[in-house]
Amino acid sequence: MSGILFGCVAGGTMVGVNALSNRLLPGETAQETIGQVSQETQADAGTKTQASIGNDVSSIVEKAMPSVVAINNKMIYTQNNWLFGQQQYEVPSSGSGIIAGQNDTELLIITNNHVVEDSEELSVTLSVTFIDNQSVKAAVKGTDSDSDLAVIAVQLSDIPEETRKQIKAADLGDSDSLKLGQGVVAIGNALGQGQSV
């Protein structure tokens, strides 16, 4: 419910800001007002991907989506109750990950530590869902709780050939070259609802 409320408030705010800017700056687009903020990145196939605030971001999504995965984790949560004693519940959790690369036998995926936290000891299942909705089992390779990062692995032999043709490792950029105020596109498994943009 709080997510819906936040979305309504944020959407209403953006509508108000756009209406106000159109009234105060007639004839100018938001892109012209902010000085033609845009960025071009070179894609693998030699095509350019254009990213501008207020523009269509479908080319960015098309390039990035094969590298994004949904991570689902079902854990056993134990609760001590003074009236009923110790009770266990199966608790689902979910998050997003990025395919970072592979070795001879595994596909390596970067995610947040809180997505897989305690899964080695308590997990019923840890699975990764790819762009084609194919799910496979995964295992935690390493975690760093201080920076909230984790690496999980999927056995290449567990991934169907058709799925392997549709996925790829992400092209990672240089975060030091980013500037405050540049636009971003968030792609992931928001609230466990599947891949979204």
C-alpha atoms as a PDB file:
ATOM      1  CA  MET A   1       0.000   0.000   0.000  1.00  0.00           C
ATOM      2  CA  SER A   2       2.868   2.360   0.829  1.00  0.00           C
ATOM      3  CA  GLY A   3       4.420   1.643  -2.586  1.00  0.00           C
ATOM      4  CA  ILE A   4       1.190   2.634  -4.336  1.00  0.00           C
ATOM      5  CA  LEU A   5       0.927   5.797  -2.228  1.00  0.00           C
ATOM      6  CA  PHE A   6       4.551   6.702  -2.994  1.00  0.00           C
ATOM      7  CA  GLY A   7       3.976   6.107  -6.716  1.00  0.00           C
ATOM      8  CA  CYS A   8       0.897   8.342  -6.739  1.00  0.00           C
ATOM      9  CA  VAL A   9       2.668  11.145  -4.868  1.00  0.00           C
ATOM     10  CA  ALA A  10       5.774  10.902  -7.076  1.00  0.00           C
ATOM     11  CA  GLY A  11       3.693  10.789 -10.250  1.00  0.00           C
ATOM     12  CA  GLY A  12       1.607  13.769  -9.153  1.00  0.00           C
ATOM     13  CA  THR A  13       4.757  15.720  -8.330  1.00  0.00           C
ATOM     14  CA  MET A  14       6.250  15.044 -11.765  1.00  0.00           C
ATOM     15  CA  VAL A  15       3.010  16.077 -13.515  1.00  0.00           C
ATOM     16  CA  GLY A  16       3.030  19.315 -11.513  1.00  0.00           C
ATOM     17  CA  VAL A  17       6.683  20.039 -12.278  1.00  0.00           C
ATOM     18  CA  ASN A  18       6.158  19.403 -15.999  1.00  0.00           C
ATOM     19  CA  ALA A  19       3.044  21.609 -16.076  1.00  0.00           C
ATOM     20  CA  LEU A  20       4.865  24.405 -14.250  1.00  0.00           C
ATOM     21  CA  SER A  21       7.910  24.215 -16.538  1.00  0.00           C
ATOM     22  CA  ASN A  22       5.674  24.294 -19.642  1.00  0.00           C
ATOM     23  CA  ARG A  23       3.903  27.387 -18.292  1.00  0.00           C
ATOM     24  CA  LEU A  24       7.102  29.223 -17.302  1.00  0.00           C
ATOM     25  CA  LEU A  25       9.200  28.183 -20.292  1.00  0.00           C
ATOM     26  CA  PRO A  26       6.821  27.959 -23.287  1.00  0.00           C
ATOM     27  CA  GLY A  27       8.350  26.624 -26.465  1.00  0.00           C
ATOM     28  CA  GLU A  28      11.321  25.004 -24.712  1.00  0.00           C
ATOM     29  CA  THR A  29      11.584  21.328 -24.003  1.00  0.00           C
ATOM     30  CA  ALA A  30      13.026  19.963 -20.811  1.00  0.00           C
ATOM     31  CA  GLN A  31      15.944  18.648 -22.836  1.00  0.00           C
ATOM     32  CA  GLU A  32      16.753  22.123 -24.200  1.00  0.00           C
ATOM     33  CA  THR A  33      16.352  23.671 -20.750  1.00  0.00           C
ATOM     34  CA  ILE A  34      18.958  21.420 -19.175  1.00  0.00           C
ATOM     35  CA  GLY A  35      21.432  21.977 -21.962  1.00  0.00           C
ATOM     36  CA  GLN A  36      20.880  18.955 -24.162  1.00  0.00           C
ATOM     37  CA  VAL A  37      21.932  16.457 -21.518  1.00  0.00           C
ATOM     38  CA  SER A  38      22.697  13.273 -23.365  1.00  0.00           C
ATOM     39  CA  GLN A  39      25.144  10.445 -23.378  1.00  0.00           C
ATOM     40  CA  GLU A  40      26.170   8.024 -26.089  1.00  0.00           C
ATOM     41  CA  THR A  41      27.634   4.623 -25.423  1.00  0.00           C
ATOM     42  CA  GLN A  42      29.094   2.308 -28.022  1.00  0.00           C
ATOM     43  CA  ALA A  43      27.267  -1.020 -28.181  1.00  0.00           C
ATOM     44  CA  ASP A  44      28.993  -4.308 -29.035  1.00  0.00           C
ATOM     45  CA  ALA A  45      27.574  -4.470 -32.552  1.00  0.00           C
ATOM     46  CA  GLY A  46      28.871  -1.011 -33.411  1.00  0.00           C
ATOM     47  CA  THR A  47      25.516   0.710 -33.002  1.00  0.00           C
ATOM     48  CA  LYS A  48      25.059   3.693 -30.743  1.00  0.00           C
ATOM     49  CA  THR A  49      22.687   3.782 -27.802  1.00  0.00           C
ATOM     50  CA  GLN A  50      21.351   7.260 -27.093  1.00  0.00           C
ATOM     51  CA  ALA A  51      20.210   8.188 -23.571  1.00  0.00           C
ATOM     52  CA  SER A  52      18.593  11.550 -22.931  1.00  0.00           C
ATOM     53  CA  ILE A  53      16.314  12.782 -20.202  1.00  0.00           C
ATOM     54  CA  GLY A  54      12.759  12.710 -21.485  1.00  0.00           C
ATOM     55  CA  ASN A  55      13.586  10.509 -24.483  1.00  0.00           C
ATOM     56  CA  ASP A  56      12.652   6.945 -25.278  1.00  0.00           C
ATOM     57  CA  VAL A  57      14.958   4.551 -23.388  1.00  0.00           C
ATOM     58  CA  SER A  58      13.919   1.383 -25.218  1.00  0.00           C
ATOM     59  CA  SER A  59      17.361   0.994 -26.852  1.00  0.00           C
ATOM     60  CA  ILE A  60      19.003   1.025 -23.407  1.00  0.00           C
ATOM     61  CA  VAL A  61      16.515  -1.535 -22.130  1.00  0.00           C
ATOM     62  CA  GLU A  62      17.043  -3.719 -25.197  1.00  0.00           C
ATOM     63  CA  LYS A  63      20.800  -3.713 -24.622  1.00  0.00           C
ATOM     64  CA  ALA A  64      20.717  -4.212 -20.829  1.00  0.00           C
ATOM     65  CA  MET A  65      17.771  -6.571 -20.250  1.00  0.00           C
ATOM     66  CA  PRO A  66      19.587  -9.787 -21.347  1.00  0.00           C
ATOM     67  CA  SER A  67      22.091  -9.122 -18.518  1.00  0.00           C
ATOM     68  CA  VAL A  68      19.495  -8.597 -15.771  1.00  0.00           C
ATOM     69  CA  VAL A  69      18.136 -11.491 -13.714  1.00  0.00           C
ATOM     70  CA  ALA A  70      15.515 -11.896 -11.019  1.00  0.00           C
ATOM     71  CA  ILE A  71      16.718 -13.668  -7.884  1.00  0.00           C
ATOM     72  CA  ASN A  72      14.209 -15.487  -5.728  1.00  0.00           C
ATOM     73  CA  ASN A  73      14.992 -16.916  -2.329  1.00  0.00           C
ATOM     74  CA  LYS A  74      12.743 -18.863   0.023  1.00  0.00           C
ATOM     75  CA  MET A  75      14.082 -19.064   3.537  1.00  0.00           C
ATOM     76  CA  ILE A  76      12.947 -20.776   6.695  1.00  0.00           C
ATOM     77  CA  TYR A  77      12.353 -18.133   9.355  1.00  0.00           C
ATOM     78  CA  THR A  78      12.248 -19.346  12.957  1.00  0.00           C
ATOM     79  CA  GLN A  79      10.288 -17.349  15.512  1.00  0.00           C
ATOM     80  CA  ASN A  80      10.181 -17.995  19.231  1.00  0.00           C
ATOM     81  CA  ASN A  81       6.744 -17.416  20.706  1.00  0.00           C
ATOM     82  CA  TRP A  82       6.263 -17.684  24.462  1.00  0.00           C
ATOM     83  CA  LEU A  83       2.738 -19.062  23.992  1.00  0.00           C
ATOM     84  CA  PHE A  84       3.222 -21.471  21.068  1.00  0.00           C
ATOM     85  CA  GLY A  85       6.947 -22.171  21.362  1.00  0.00           C
ATOM     86  CA  GLN A  86       9.269 -22.194  18.379  1.00  0.00           C
ATOM     87  CA  GLN A  87       7.554 -21.826  14.992  1.00  0.00           C
ATOM     88  CA  GLN A  88       9.014 -21.918  11.502  1.00  0.00           C
ATOM     89  CA  TYR A  89       7.726 -20.065   8.444  1.00  0.00           C
ATOM     90  CA  GLU A  90       8.755 -20.150   4.809  1.00  0.00           C
ATOM     91  CA  VAL A  91       9.503 -16.551   3.861  1.00  0.00           C
ATOM     92  CA  PRO A  92       9.986 -15.533   0.214  1.00  0.00           C
ATOM     93  CA  SER A  93      12.466 -12.814  -0.675  1.00  0.00           C
ATOM     94  CA  SER A  94      13.534 -11.457  -4.018  1.00  0.00           C
ATOM     95  CA  GLY A  95      15.940  -9.113  -5.681  1.00  0.00           C
ATOM     96  CA  SER A  96      17.784  -8.303  -8.864  1.00  0.00           C
ATOM     97  CA  GLY A  97      21.145  -9.313 -10.233  1.00  0.00           C
ATOM     98  CA  ILE A  98      23.477  -8.570 -13.115  1.00  0.00           C
ATOM     99  CA  ILE A  99      25.304 -11.202 -15.113  1.00  0.00           C
ATOM    100  CA  ALA A 100      28.938 -10.205 -14.650  1.00  0.00           C
ATOM    101  CA  GLY A 101      30.711 -13.022 -16.487  1.00  0.00           C
ATOM    102  CA  GLN A 102      31.403 -16.716 -16.489  1.00  0.00           C
ATOM    103  CA  ASN A 103      34.146 -19.220 -15.908  1.00  0.00           C
ATOM    104  CA  ASP A 104      34.477 -22.720 -17.370  1.00  0.00           C
ATOM    105  CA  THR A 105      31.521 -24.146 -15.452  1.00  0.00           C
ATOM    106  CA  GLU A 106      29.522 -21.277 -13.927  1.00  0.00           C
ATOM    107  CA  LEU A 107      27.658 -18.106 -14.819  1.00  0.00           C
ATOM    108  CA  LEU A 108      28.564 -15.427 -12.249  1.00  0.00           C
ATOM    109  CA  ILE A 109      25.960 -12.928 -11.081  1.00  0.00           C
ATOM    110  CA  ILE A 110      26.370  -9.831  -8.887  1.00  0.00           C
ATOM    111  CA  THR A 111      23.569  -8.961  -6.477  1.00  0.00           C
ATOM    112  CA  ASN A 112      23.024  -7.363  -3.084  1.00  0.00           C
ATOM    113  CA  ASN A 113      24.044  -9.230   0.052  1.00  0.00           C
ATOM    114  CA  HIS A 114      20.643  -8.629   1.664  1.00  0.00           C
ATOM    115  CA  VAL A 115      18.999 -10.588  -1.182  1.00  0.00           C
ATOM    116  CA  VAL A 116      20.923 -13.780  -0.348  1.00  0.00           C
ATOM    117  CA  GLU A 117      21.755 -13.091   3.299  1.00  0.00           C
ATOM    118  CA  ASP A 118      21.851 -16.261   5.429  1.00  0.00           C
ATOM    119  CA  SER A 119      20.776 -18.360   2.445  1.00  0.00           C
ATOM    120  CA  GLU A 120      23.672 -20.794   2.876  1.00  0.00           C
ATOM    121  CA  GLU A 121      22.361 -21.857   6.272  1.00  0.00           C
ATOM    122  CA  LEU A 122      18.619 -21.232   5.978  1.00  0.00           C
ATOM    123  CA  SER A 123      17.658 -21.314   2.317  1.00  0.00           C
ATOM    124  CA  VAL A 124      15.112 -23.714   0.967  1.00  0.00           C
ATOM    125  CA  THR A 125      15.779 -22.580  -2.607  1.00  0.00           C
ATOM    126  CA  LEU A 126      17.817 -19.873  -4.251  1.00  0.00           C
ATOM    127  CA  SER A 127      16.942 -19.480  -7.921  1.00  0.00           C
ATOM    128  CA  VAL A 128      17.695 -17.152 -10.791  1.00  0.00           C
ATOM    129  CA  THR A 129      15.144 -16.260 -13.472  1.00  0.00           C
ATOM    130  CA  PHE A 130      16.448 -15.065 -16.831  1.00  0.00           C
ATOM    131  CA  ILE A 131      14.892 -12.796 -19.463  1.00  0.00           C
ATOM    132  CA  ASP A 132      12.940 -15.714 -20.990  1.00  0.00           C
ATOM    133  CA  ASN A 133      11.417 -16.607 -17.566  1.00  0.00           C
ATOM    134  CA  GLN A 134      13.575 -19.743 -17.326  1.00  0.00           C
ATOM    135  CA  SER A 135      14.494 -20.409 -13.665  1.00  0.00           C
ATOM    136  CA  VAL A 136      17.510 -22.379 -12.469  1.00  0.00           C
ATOM    137  CA  LYS A 137      19.081 -23.120  -9.094  1.00  0.00           C
ATOM    138  CA  ALA A 138      21.885 -20.898  -7.866  1.00  0.00           C
ATOM    139  CA  ALA A 139      24.505 -21.014  -5.121  1.00  0.00           C
ATOM    140  CA  VAL A 140      26.213 -18.264  -3.150  1.00  0.00           C
ATOM    141  CA  LYS A 141      29.891 -17.837  -4.084  1.00  0.00           C
ATOM    142  CA  GLY A 142      30.779 -14.967  -1.753  1.00  0.00           C
ATOM    143  CA  THR A 143      29.332 -12.041   0.178  1.00  0.00           C
ATOM    144  CA  ASP A 144      30.432  -8.713   1.630  1.00  0.00           C
ATOM    145  CA  SER A 145      27.880  -7.395   4.110  1.00  0.00           C
ATOM    146  CA  ASP A 146      29.731  -4.089   4.626  1.00  0.00           C
ATOM    147  CA  SER A 147      29.240  -3.050   0.987  1.00  0.00           C
ATOM    148  CA  ASP A 148      26.002  -5.090   0.596  1.00  0.00           C
ATOM    149  CA  LEU A 149      27.384  -7.081  -2.345  1.00  0.00           C
ATOM    150  CA  ALA A 150      27.239 -10.766  -3.167  1.00  0.00           C
ATOM    151  CA  VAL A 151      28.243 -13.051  -6.016  1.00  0.00           C
ATOM    152  CA  ILE A 152      26.106 -16.061  -6.853  1.00  0.00           C
ATOM    153  CA  ALA A 153      26.722 -18.759  -9.435  1.00  0.00           C
ATOM    154  CA  VAL A 154      24.574 -20.831 -11.751  1.00  0.00           C
ATOM    155  CA  GLN A 155      25.971 -23.993 -13.296  1.00  0.00           C
ATOM    156  CA  LEU A 156      26.229 -23.534 -17.074  1.00  0.00           C
ATOM    157  CA  SER A 157      25.047 -27.122 -17.498  1.00  0.00           C
ATOM    158  CA  ASP A 158      21.749 -26.183 -15.767  1.00  0.00           C
ATOM    159  CA  ILE A 159      20.950 -23.388 -18.237  1.00  0.00           C
ATOM    160  CA  PRO A 160      19.034 -24.554 -21.340  1.00  0.00           C
ATOM    161  CA  GLU A 161      20.759 -23.826 -24.644  1.00  0.00           C
ATOM    162  CA  GLU A 162      17.889 -21.598 -25.817  1.00  0.00           C
ATOM    163  CA  THR A 163      18.257 -19.442 -22.685  1.00  0.00           C
ATOM    164  CA  ARG A 164      22.042 -19.231 -23.088  1.00  0.00           C
ATOM    165  CA  LYS A 165      21.494 -17.697 -26.547  1.00  0.00           C
ATOM    166  CA  GLN A 166      19.329 -14.918 -25.049  1.00  0.00           C
ATOM    167  CA  ILE A 167      21.522 -13.845 -22.119  1.00  0.00           C
ATOM    168  CA  LYS A 168      24.873 -12.091 -21.931  1.00  0.00           C
ATOM    169  CA  ALA A 169      27.280 -10.528 -19.470  1.00  0.00           C
ATOM    170  CA  ALA A 170      26.682  -6.850 -18.787  1.00  0.00           C
ATOM    171  CA  ASP A 171      28.924  -4.167 -20.238  1.00  0.00           C
ATOM    172  CA  LEU A 172      30.066  -2.453 -17.048  1.00  0.00           C
ATOM    173  CA  GLY A 173      31.056   1.195 -17.228  1.00  0.00           C
ATOM    174  CA  ASP A 174      33.269   3.453 -15.140  1.00  0.00           C
ATOM    175  CA  SER A 175      31.370   4.885 -12.163  1.00  0.00           C
ATOM    176  CA  ASP A 176      34.108   7.498 -11.656  1.00  0.00           C
ATOM    177  CA  SER A 177      33.103   9.153 -14.945  1.00  0.00           C
ATOM    178  CA  LEU A 178      29.503   9.759 -13.799  1.00  0.00           C
ATOM    179  CA  LYS A 179      28.323  13.210 -12.781  1.00  0.00           C
ATOM    180  CA  LEU A 180      25.648  14.264 -10.329  1.00  0.00           C
ATOM    181  CA  GLY A 181      22.429  14.991 -12.200  1.00  0.00           C
ATOM    182  CA  GLN A 182      22.887  12.511 -15.062  1.00  0.00           C
ATOM    183  CA  GLY A 183      19.833  10.420 -15.830  1.00  0.00           C
ATOM    184  CA  VAL A 184      19.621   6.728 -15.004  1.00  0.00           C
ATOM    185  CA  VAL A 185      17.376   3.845 -16.012  1.00  0.00           C
ATOM    186  CA  ALA A 186      16.549   1.330 -13.278  1.00  0.00           C
ATOM    187  CA  ILE A 187      15.971  -2.220 -14.510  1.00  0.00           C
ATOM    188  CA  GLY A 188      15.338  -5.057 -12.097  1.00  0.00           C
ATOM    189  CA  ASN A 189      13.032  -7.367 -10.198  1.00  0.00           C
ATOM    190  CA  ALA A 190      11.178  -4.709  -8.214  1.00  0.00           C
ATOM    191  CA  LEU A 191       9.265  -6.170  -5.249  1.00  0.00           C
ATOM    192  CA  GLY A 192       9.492  -9.644  -6.774  1.00  0.00           C
ATOM    193  CA  GLN A 193       7.085  -8.733  -9.582  1.00  0.00           C
ATOM    194  CA  GLY A 194       9.450  -9.791 -12.385  1.00  0.00           C
ATOM    195  CA  GLN A 195      11.712  -7.726 -14.578  1.00  0.00           C
ATOM    196  CA  SER A 196      10.620  -4.121 -14.861  1.00  0.00           C
ATOM    197  CA  VAL A 197      12.010  -0.793 -16.061  1.00  0.00           C
END
